[in-house]
Amino acid sequence: MPTPRPFSRYEFLIAWLYLRARKTEGGVSTMTWISLIGIALGVMALITTLAVRSGFRAEFVDTILGANAHVTVYMPPTQVENALTDEVYTVSGRITDYDAAAARIAALPGVVRVDPVVKGQVMATAFDRSNVAEVIGLSADDLRALPRIADPETSYGDIGAFDRGIAIGSGIARELGVNPGDRVQLISPQGAQTPFGTTPRVVSYEVVYVFSAGRYDIDRTRIYMPLPAAQDYFNRAGAADEMQVYVADPEQVEQITPALMQALPGSMAWTWRDASGSFLSALDIEDDVMFVILSVLVLIASMNITSGLIMLVKNKGRDIGILRTMGLGEGTILRVFFLCGAFTGVIGTLAGVILGVTLSLNVDHVMSAVNWASGGDAWDPSVRGIYELPAQLRAWDIGRAIALSLVLSFVVTIFPARRAARMNPVEALRYE
């Protein structure tokens, strides 16, 4: 008689019949359902958590790259003597030949765009309200090239009128109570140099455009000004403070940084990874920690399979004895009970994947409901930096969640399955 191949059709049939416990074996059925639900919830929590963490990182990086330069090239600070007072003070570096420098940098492989800019800190006031702001002076074409700033769906006003006014973040506009057409006073402590010291500079500008970059800290502090106006306001006649460089592959920005500094001798570079690298590293570490913690939850749920199979083996002792006397070997019995646990793990994993994907796709709606029910305290943009809870499903995250659940489910079935396979048929049938 030929030996049947492993995992034959009849082995699947026997395992499936054992899982469909009768009412007299309600304990086995209950443990099976508990195991299945536990695995499904564990996989759902794992997929949703990984999707939220991936979405948060992607949203954070997108706001960085959509509203900030990939690399900032600047000159180191220099010592300047005041001709009126003979005082020596330190000022930030200046790039006087910024047009030629921009042309050299733009010619480098991998560089998409170069924006000469002027930067400064000011106090913005309007309607007896005030707020500290960062002013960035750049050309109108460069402003329209910033995807997060020039997005018409999140901004309002006339970006085409930028040459005769300023563009401000939605957070500043809200705190100052201004809209396009209103005027804002900018006060800089670094104004004109006189024999009596430095006098603050106060200039009024019309707000022509209000943007929302998607980052609370940017919208609440940033103002864009035409480059010529910024040069006049900050005493940068014919000079720029830095060159903001945008590259084709921001993830590989470190490879092009040395060439950027060579194109502008004596300069220094500051990449977006330098500015946010520690935060991104913390997110990566948190991803690993969360995966380990939630893996323990899946393991605990999988351990219920062991309890259910032990009860099933005890209840099916007579059946095991009969099958052994009919000629089924230990390997066949082991595979039958292994399949009983594997069915539970597979079904629970599939249910968890469906629930996890569904929840991940609707997590923002769920969070909005929670935020509404809690009175708006569940999600504070000033703390988290972004306005909504993002989620990004990645095949890698779903795949490792499935692999973890299946591996744990298969491993925990081995012990009770071996116990069933080693059961002596004589002892099993002695009292039957």
Protein backbone atom coordinates (compact mmCIF):
# COMPACT_ATOMS: atom_id res chain seq x y z
CA MET A 1 0.00 0.00 0.00
CA PRO A 2 1.61 3.30 -1.04
CA THR A 3 2.25 5.86 1.66
CA PRO A 4 0.04 8.96 1.22
CA ARG A 5 1.85 12.19 0.66
CA PRO A 6 2.03 14.70 3.54
CA PHE A 7 -0.82 17.21 3.87
CA SER A 8 -3.13 15.12 1.73
CA ARG A 9 -6.74 16.12 1.20
CA TYR A 10 -8.07 13.76 3.87
CA GLU A 11 -5.77 15.33 6.49
CA PHE A 12 -7.28 18.75 5.77
CA LEU A 13 -10.77 17.20 5.94
CA ILE A 14 -10.16 15.58 9.33
CA ALA A 15 -8.65 18.78 10.74
CA TRP A 16 -11.60 20.86 9.54
CA LEU A 17 -14.11 18.38 11.05
CA TYR A 18 -12.29 18.55 14.39
CA LEU A 19 -12.44 22.33 14.41
CA ARG A 20 -16.22 22.22 13.93
CA ALA A 21 -16.77 21.11 17.52
CA ARG A 22 -20.14 19.75 18.64
CA LYS A 23 -22.13 21.29 21.46
CA THR A 24 -20.77 18.70 23.87
CA GLU A 25 -17.28 20.05 23.08
CA GLY A 26 -18.19 23.69 23.59
CA GLY A 27 -14.95 24.37 25.47
CA VAL A 28 -12.91 23.58 22.36
CA SER A 29 -15.12 25.76 20.19
CA THR A 30 -14.91 28.64 22.66
CA MET A 31 -11.11 28.44 22.85
CA THR A 32 -10.93 28.37 19.06
CA TRP A 33 -13.03 31.51 18.77
CA ILE A 34 -11.02 33.24 21.49
CA SER A 35 -7.79 32.39 19.68
CA LEU A 36 -9.15 33.53 16.33
CA ILE A 37 -10.48 36.84 17.66
CA GLY A 38 -7.31 37.49 19.65
CA ILE A 39 -5.07 36.93 16.63
CA ALA A 40 -7.32 39.08 14.43
CA LEU A 41 -7.25 41.97 16.91
CA GLY A 42 -3.50 41.65 17.39
CA VAL A 43 -2.80 41.72 13.65
CA MET A 44 -5.25 44.61 13.20
CA ALA A 45 -3.49 46.62 15.93
CA LEU A 46 -0.08 45.83 14.45
CA ILE A 47 -1.01 46.84 10.89
CA THR A 48 -2.81 50.01 12.01
CA THR A 49 0.03 51.10 14.25
CA LEU A 50 2.65 50.53 11.56
CA ALA A 51 0.49 52.37 9.01
CA VAL A 52 0.07 55.37 11.30
CA ARG A 53 3.79 55.48 12.09
CA SER A 54 4.64 55.25 8.38
CA GLY A 55 2.08 57.91 7.53
CA PHE A 56 3.34 60.22 10.25
CA ARG A 57 6.91 59.91 9.00
CA ALA A 58 5.87 60.38 5.36
CA GLU A 59 3.77 63.44 6.24
CA PHE A 60 6.57 64.92 8.31
CA VAL A 61 9.13 64.41 5.54
CA ASP A 62 6.69 65.73 2.91
CA THR A 63 6.13 68.95 4.83
CA ILE A 64 9.88 69.36 5.25
CA LEU A 65 10.63 68.83 1.57
CA GLY A 66 7.55 70.71 0.41
CA ALA A 67 8.27 73.93 2.30
CA ASN A 68 12.00 73.87 2.98
CA ALA A 69 15.22 73.52 1.03
CA HIS A 70 16.84 70.12 0.73
CA VAL A 71 20.25 71.71 1.31
CA THR A 72 21.15 75.18 2.55
CA VAL A 73 24.55 76.51 1.44
CA TYR A 74 25.80 79.52 3.41
CA MET A 75 28.95 81.41 4.31
CA PRO A 76 30.31 81.35 7.88
CA PRO A 77 29.89 84.44 10.12
CA THR A 78 32.32 87.34 9.68
CA GLN A 79 33.60 90.27 11.78
CA VAL A 80 32.42 93.73 10.69
CA GLU A 81 33.53 97.13 12.03
CA ASN A 82 31.00 99.93 12.45
CA ALA A 83 32.52 102.97 10.74
CA LEU A 84 30.55 105.36 12.96
CA THR A 85 31.27 103.84 16.36
CA ASP A 86 34.45 101.80 15.61
CA GLU A 87 32.74 98.82 17.22
CA VAL A 88 33.43 95.32 15.87
CA TYR A 89 30.52 92.92 15.81
CA THR A 90 29.76 89.54 14.26
CA VAL A 91 27.33 89.24 11.37
CA SER A 92 26.10 86.26 9.43
CA GLY A 93 27.89 85.42 6.22
CA ARG A 94 26.96 87.16 2.99
CA ILE A 95 26.96 85.86 -0.59
CA THR A 96 27.56 88.88 -2.81
CA ASP A 97 27.83 87.10 -6.17
CA TYR A 98 24.74 84.99 -5.57
CA ASP A 99 23.61 84.95 -9.22
CA ALA A 100 26.92 83.47 -10.38
CA ALA A 101 26.99 81.08 -7.42
CA ALA A 102 23.44 79.97 -8.19
CA ALA A 103 24.41 79.28 -11.81
CA ARG A 104 27.40 77.16 -10.73
CA ILE A 105 25.35 75.16 -8.24
CA ALA A 106 22.45 74.67 -10.66
CA ALA A 107 24.86 73.17 -13.21
CA LEU A 108 25.77 70.32 -10.84
CA PRO A 109 24.28 66.87 -11.58
CA GLY A 110 21.25 66.12 -9.45
CA VAL A 111 20.41 69.76 -8.64
CA VAL A 112 16.88 70.78 -9.61
CA ARG A 113 16.68 74.38 -8.43
CA VAL A 114 18.68 77.00 -6.52
CA ASP A 115 17.03 79.89 -4.66
CA PRO A 116 19.11 82.81 -3.31
CA VAL A 117 17.33 84.00 -0.16
CA VAL A 118 17.56 86.58 2.61
CA LYS A 119 16.43 85.56 6.09
CA GLY A 120 15.71 87.43 9.30
CA GLN A 121 13.69 87.48 12.50
CA VAL A 122 11.04 90.15 13.05
CA MET A 123 8.07 91.09 15.18
CA ALA A 124 4.83 91.17 13.16
CA THR A 125 2.00 93.39 14.45
CA ALA A 126 -1.53 94.17 13.29
CA PHE A 127 -4.70 95.34 15.06
CA ASP A 128 -2.93 95.55 18.44
CA ARG A 129 -1.76 91.94 18.08
CA SER A 130 1.79 90.73 17.63
CA ASN A 131 3.70 87.58 16.85
CA VAL A 132 7.34 86.63 16.29
CA ALA A 133 8.02 85.61 12.70
CA GLU A 134 10.78 84.40 10.41
CA VAL A 135 11.01 86.36 7.16
CA ILE A 136 12.40 84.68 4.04
CA GLY A 137 13.05 86.85 1.02
CA LEU A 138 12.99 85.13 -2.37
CA SER A 139 11.74 85.71 -5.89
CA ALA A 140 8.13 85.20 -6.94
CA ASP A 141 9.08 82.31 -9.24
CA ASP A 142 10.89 80.56 -6.41
CA LEU A 143 7.86 80.98 -4.14
CA ARG A 144 5.54 79.45 -6.74
CA ALA A 145 7.93 76.48 -7.03
CA LEU A 146 7.37 75.47 -3.38
CA PRO A 147 4.63 72.81 -3.56
CA ARG A 148 3.41 73.13 0.01
CA ILE A 149 3.33 76.93 -0.15
CA ALA A 150 1.78 77.39 -3.59
CA ASP A 151 -0.94 74.74 -3.11
CA PRO A 152 -4.21 76.44 -4.15
CA GLU A 153 -6.31 73.94 -2.15
CA THR A 154 -4.84 74.99 1.21
CA SER A 155 -4.06 78.66 0.50
CA TYR A 156 -5.99 81.78 -0.44
CA GLY A 157 -5.18 85.17 -1.84
CA ASP A 158 -3.30 86.13 -5.00
CA ILE A 159 0.14 84.61 -5.23
CA GLY A 160 0.60 86.50 -8.50
CA ALA A 161 0.63 89.75 -6.51
CA PHE A 162 3.59 88.62 -4.41
CA ASP A 163 5.90 91.27 -5.94
CA ARG A 164 3.91 94.06 -4.25
CA GLY A 165 3.28 92.47 -0.85
CA ILE A 166 4.06 89.56 1.46
CA ALA A 167 2.83 86.00 1.92
CA ILE A 168 2.18 84.84 5.49
CA GLY A 169 1.35 81.54 7.13
CA SER A 170 -2.20 80.74 8.12
CA GLY A 171 -1.19 80.55 11.78
CA ILE A 172 0.19 84.10 11.78
CA ALA A 173 -2.84 85.33 9.84
CA ARG A 174 -5.15 83.78 12.40
CA GLU A 175 -3.28 85.16 15.41
CA LEU A 176 -2.99 88.66 13.92
CA GLY A 177 -6.52 88.58 12.55
CA VAL A 178 -5.50 89.60 9.02
CA ASN A 179 -6.62 88.55 5.55
CA PRO A 180 -5.36 89.37 2.04
CA GLY A 181 -5.62 93.12 1.61
CA ASP A 182 -4.77 93.97 5.23
CA ARG A 183 -1.44 95.46 6.23
CA VAL A 184 1.09 94.07 8.70
CA GLN A 185 3.90 95.99 10.37
CA LEU A 186 7.26 94.23 10.54
CA ILE A 187 9.65 95.40 13.25
CA SER A 188 13.30 94.40 13.05
CA PRO A 189 15.76 95.22 15.85
CA GLN A 190 18.59 95.32 13.30
CA GLY A 191 17.73 98.58 11.56
CA ALA A 192 19.83 101.57 10.56
CA GLN A 193 23.25 102.17 12.14
CA THR A 194 23.56 105.65 13.71
CA PRO A 195 26.12 107.37 16.00
CA PHE A 196 23.68 106.64 18.81
CA GLY A 197 23.45 102.93 18.06
CA THR A 198 21.13 100.72 16.05
CA THR A 199 17.56 101.88 15.58
CA PRO A 200 14.75 99.39 14.97
CA ARG A 201 13.25 99.32 11.50
CA VAL A 202 9.47 99.43 11.14
CA VAL A 203 7.86 98.92 7.72
CA SER A 204 4.25 98.19 6.80
CA TYR A 205 3.49 95.58 4.09
CA GLU A 206 0.28 94.45 2.45
CA VAL A 207 -0.72 90.82 2.88
CA VAL A 208 -1.46 89.40 -0.58
CA TYR A 209 -1.34 85.65 0.06
CA VAL A 210 -2.00 83.30 3.00
CA PHE A 211 -0.61 79.75 2.81
CA SER A 212 -0.87 76.58 4.85
CA ALA A 213 2.18 74.32 4.62
CA GLY A 214 0.62 71.55 6.71
CA ARG A 215 3.07 72.08 9.57
CA TYR A 216 1.85 74.05 12.58
CA ASP A 217 5.31 75.46 13.37
CA ILE A 218 5.78 76.73 9.79
CA ASP A 219 2.32 78.24 9.43
CA ARG A 220 2.64 80.02 12.75
CA THR A 221 6.05 81.63 12.19
CA ARG A 222 6.86 82.07 8.50
CA ILE A 223 6.52 85.11 6.24
CA TYR A 224 7.72 85.30 2.62
CA MET A 225 8.84 88.63 1.13
CA PRO A 226 10.10 89.54 -2.37
CA LEU A 227 13.89 89.30 -2.51
CA PRO A 228 14.56 92.99 -3.38
CA ALA A 229 12.28 94.14 -0.55
CA ALA A 230 13.98 91.78 1.90
CA GLN A 231 17.42 93.03 0.84
CA ASP A 232 16.35 96.60 1.53
CA TYR A 233 14.65 95.75 4.80
CA PHE A 234 17.53 93.69 6.25
CA ASN A 235 20.39 95.83 4.84
CA ARG A 236 21.50 93.14 2.37
CA ALA A 237 21.93 95.35 -0.70
CA GLY A 238 23.34 93.20 -3.51
CA ALA A 239 23.78 90.15 -1.26
CA ALA A 240 22.00 87.01 -0.14
CA ASP A 241 22.23 85.18 3.17
CA GLU A 242 22.19 81.66 1.76
CA MET A 243 21.46 79.49 -1.24
CA GLN A 244 18.56 77.08 -0.86
CA VAL A 245 19.19 74.06 -3.05
CA TYR A 246 16.65 71.47 -4.19
CA VAL A 247 17.88 68.12 -5.48
CA ALA A 248 16.29 65.33 -7.50
CA ASP A 249 16.69 62.68 -4.77
CA PRO A 250 16.40 64.20 -1.28
CA GLU A 251 17.06 60.82 0.36
CA GLN A 252 20.60 60.83 -1.12
CA VAL A 253 21.32 64.47 -0.37
CA GLU A 254 24.57 63.71 1.48
CA GLN A 255 26.20 62.51 -1.73
CA ILE A 256 25.87 65.87 -3.46
CA THR A 257 26.73 68.08 -0.46
CA PRO A 258 30.55 68.11 -1.03
CA ALA A 259 30.08 69.26 -4.63
CA LEU A 260 27.80 72.07 -3.45
CA MET A 261 30.44 73.41 -1.08
CA GLN A 262 33.09 73.22 -3.81
CA ALA A 263 30.88 75.28 -6.12
CA LEU A 264 30.85 78.03 -3.47
CA PRO A 265 34.39 78.06 -1.94
CA GLY A 266 34.51 78.62 1.81
CA SER A 267 30.85 77.80 2.28
CA MET A 268 29.12 75.40 4.66
CA ALA A 269 26.08 73.16 4.06
CA TRP A 270 23.12 72.18 6.18
CA THR A 271 20.83 69.42 4.85
CA TRP A 272 17.25 68.60 5.73
CA ARG A 273 18.53 65.45 7.40
CA ASP A 274 20.82 67.54 9.61
CA ALA A 275 17.83 69.61 10.68
CA SER A 276 15.47 66.69 11.30
CA GLY A 277 17.73 63.64 11.50
CA SER A 278 17.36 63.13 15.25
CA PHE A 279 13.58 63.24 15.02
CA LEU A 280 13.51 60.79 12.11
CA SER A 281 15.87 58.46 13.98
CA ALA A 282 13.56 58.62 17.00
CA LEU A 283 10.64 57.67 14.75
CA ASP A 284 12.56 54.69 13.37
CA ILE A 285 13.43 53.50 16.89
CA GLU A 286 9.82 53.96 17.96
CA ASP A 287 8.68 51.87 14.98
CA ASP A 288 10.91 48.99 16.07
CA VAL A 289 9.80 49.25 19.70
CA MET A 290 6.11 49.35 18.78
CA PHE A 291 6.56 46.34 16.50
CA VAL A 292 8.14 44.34 19.36
CA ILE A 293 5.45 45.35 21.86
CA LEU A 294 2.58 44.50 19.53
CA SER A 295 4.33 41.26 18.56
CA VAL A 296 4.00 40.21 22.19
CA LEU A 297 0.24 40.81 21.94
CA VAL A 298 0.06 38.57 18.87
CA LEU A 299 2.10 35.93 20.71
CA ILE A 300 -0.28 36.00 23.68
CA ALA A 301 -3.23 35.57 21.34
CA SER A 302 -1.44 32.72 19.56
CA MET A 303 -0.83 30.92 22.87
CA ASN A 304 -4.59 30.43 23.15
CA ILE A 305 -4.24 28.07 20.18
CA THR A 306 -2.11 25.81 22.36
CA SER A 307 -4.76 25.71 25.08
CA GLY A 308 -7.48 24.94 22.56
CA LEU A 309 -5.46 22.18 20.90
CA ILE A 310 -4.61 20.54 24.21
CA MET A 311 -8.33 20.38 25.02
CA LEU A 312 -9.03 19.08 21.50
CA VAL A 313 -6.42 16.32 21.82
CA LYS A 314 -7.91 15.27 25.14
CA ASN A 315 -11.44 15.14 23.71
CA LYS A 316 -10.33 13.31 20.56
CA GLY A 317 -8.27 10.62 22.31
CA ARG A 318 -10.66 7.86 21.18
CA ASP A 319 -10.57 9.14 17.58
CA ILE A 320 -6.78 9.23 17.65
CA GLY A 321 -6.65 5.61 18.84
CA ILE A 322 -9.02 4.49 16.09
CA LEU A 323 -7.07 6.37 13.41
CA ARG A 324 -3.82 4.83 14.61
CA THR A 325 -5.27 1.30 14.51
CA MET A 326 -6.49 2.00 10.98
CA GLY A 327 -2.89 2.53 9.94
CA LEU A 328 -2.34 6.28 10.20
CA GLY A 329 1.17 7.04 11.39
CA GLU A 330 2.42 9.55 13.92
CA GLY A 331 3.29 11.99 11.14
CA THR A 332 -0.29 11.99 9.86
CA ILE A 333 -1.74 12.61 13.33
CA LEU A 334 0.79 15.40 13.92
CA ARG A 335 -0.14 17.08 10.65
CA VAL A 336 -3.88 16.79 11.36
CA PHE A 337 -3.63 18.65 14.67
CA PHE A 338 -1.06 21.02 13.26
CA LEU A 339 -3.60 21.95 10.58
CA CYS A 340 -6.23 22.50 13.29
CA GLY A 341 -4.05 25.21 14.84
CA ALA A 342 -2.91 26.50 11.47
CA PHE A 343 -6.52 26.99 10.32
CA THR A 344 -7.16 29.16 13.35
CA GLY A 345 -4.00 31.19 12.74
CA VAL A 346 -4.65 31.66 9.03
CA ILE A 347 -8.28 32.67 9.44
CA GLY A 348 -7.46 34.99 12.33
CA THR A 349 -4.61 36.55 10.36
CA LEU A 350 -6.78 37.14 7.29
CA ALA A 351 -9.48 38.70 9.44
CA GLY A 352 -6.87 40.89 11.14
CA VAL A 353 -5.48 42.04 7.79
CA ILE A 354 -8.94 43.02 6.56
CA LEU A 355 -9.73 44.88 9.78
CA GLY A 356 -6.31 46.52 9.93
CA VAL A 357 -6.41 47.74 6.33
CA THR A 358 -9.97 49.04 6.77
CA LEU A 359 -9.10 50.88 9.97
CA SER A 360 -5.90 52.30 8.46
CA LEU A 361 -7.79 53.69 5.46
CA ASN A 362 -10.31 55.38 7.77
CA VAL A 363 -8.08 56.26 10.72
CA ASP A 364 -8.40 60.00 10.09
CA HIS A 365 -12.20 59.76 10.27
CA VAL A 366 -11.96 57.71 13.44
CA MET A 367 -9.56 60.22 14.97
CA SER A 368 -11.80 63.10 13.95
CA ALA A 369 -14.71 61.45 15.76
CA VAL A 370 -12.57 60.89 18.86
CA ASN A 371 -11.31 64.46 18.68
CA TRP A 372 -14.89 65.75 18.39
CA ALA A 373 -16.06 63.59 21.30
CA SER A 374 -13.19 64.80 23.50
CA GLY A 375 -13.79 68.45 22.70
CA GLY A 376 -10.73 68.82 20.47
CA ASP A 377 -8.16 67.70 23.05
CA ALA A 378 -7.24 64.37 21.44
CA TRP A 379 -5.22 65.96 18.63
CA ASP A 380 -3.35 69.20 19.25
CA PRO A 381 -1.46 70.45 16.14
CA SER A 382 0.77 72.65 18.30
CA VAL A 383 2.13 69.50 19.98
CA ARG A 384 2.22 67.08 17.04
CA GLY A 385 3.18 69.61 14.36
CA ILE A 386 0.67 68.39 11.76
CA TYR A 387 -3.07 68.94 11.49
CA GLU A 388 -4.37 65.41 11.01
CA LEU A 389 -3.50 61.80 11.79
CA PRO A 390 -2.04 60.31 8.60
CA ALA A 391 -1.77 56.62 7.72
CA GLN A 392 0.26 55.02 4.95
CA LEU A 393 -0.18 51.34 4.17
CA ARG A 394 3.04 49.73 2.99
CA ALA A 395 3.29 46.23 1.57
CA TRP A 396 6.37 45.63 3.74
CA ASP A 397 4.48 46.42 6.96
CA ILE A 398 1.49 44.27 6.00
CA GLY A 399 3.80 41.46 4.93
CA ARG A 400 5.79 41.36 8.15
CA ALA A 401 2.60 41.50 10.22
CA ILE A 402 1.23 38.50 8.30
CA ALA A 403 4.53 36.62 8.55
CA LEU A 404 4.79 37.25 12.29
CA SER A 405 1.24 36.07 12.97
CA LEU A 406 1.53 32.94 10.83
CA VAL A 407 4.94 31.94 12.19
CA LEU A 408 3.77 32.32 15.80
CA SER A 409 0.53 30.47 15.06
CA PHE A 410 2.38 27.59 13.42
CA VAL A 411 5.06 27.33 16.11
CA VAL A 412 2.66 27.16 19.08
CA THR A 413 0.76 24.24 17.47
CA ILE A 414 3.80 21.98 17.36
CA PHE A 415 3.74 20.94 21.06
CA PRO A 416 0.08 19.79 21.27
CA ALA A 417 0.32 18.22 17.80
CA ARG A 418 3.37 16.17 18.86
CA ARG A 419 1.52 15.15 22.01
CA ALA A 420 -1.37 13.83 19.91
CA ALA A 421 0.99 12.02 17.53
CA ARG A 422 2.79 10.24 20.38
CA MET A 423 -0.42 9.09 22.07
CA ASN A 424 -0.46 5.30 22.53
CA PRO A 425 -3.55 3.88 20.72
CA VAL A 426 -3.90 1.11 23.28
CA GLU A 427 -4.05 3.59 26.17
CA ALA A 428 -6.44 5.77 24.19
CA LEU A 429 -8.90 2.90 23.62
CA ARG A 430 -8.51 1.03 26.93
CA TYR A 431 -11.53 2.59 28.64
CA GLU A 432 -13.70 3.03 25.54
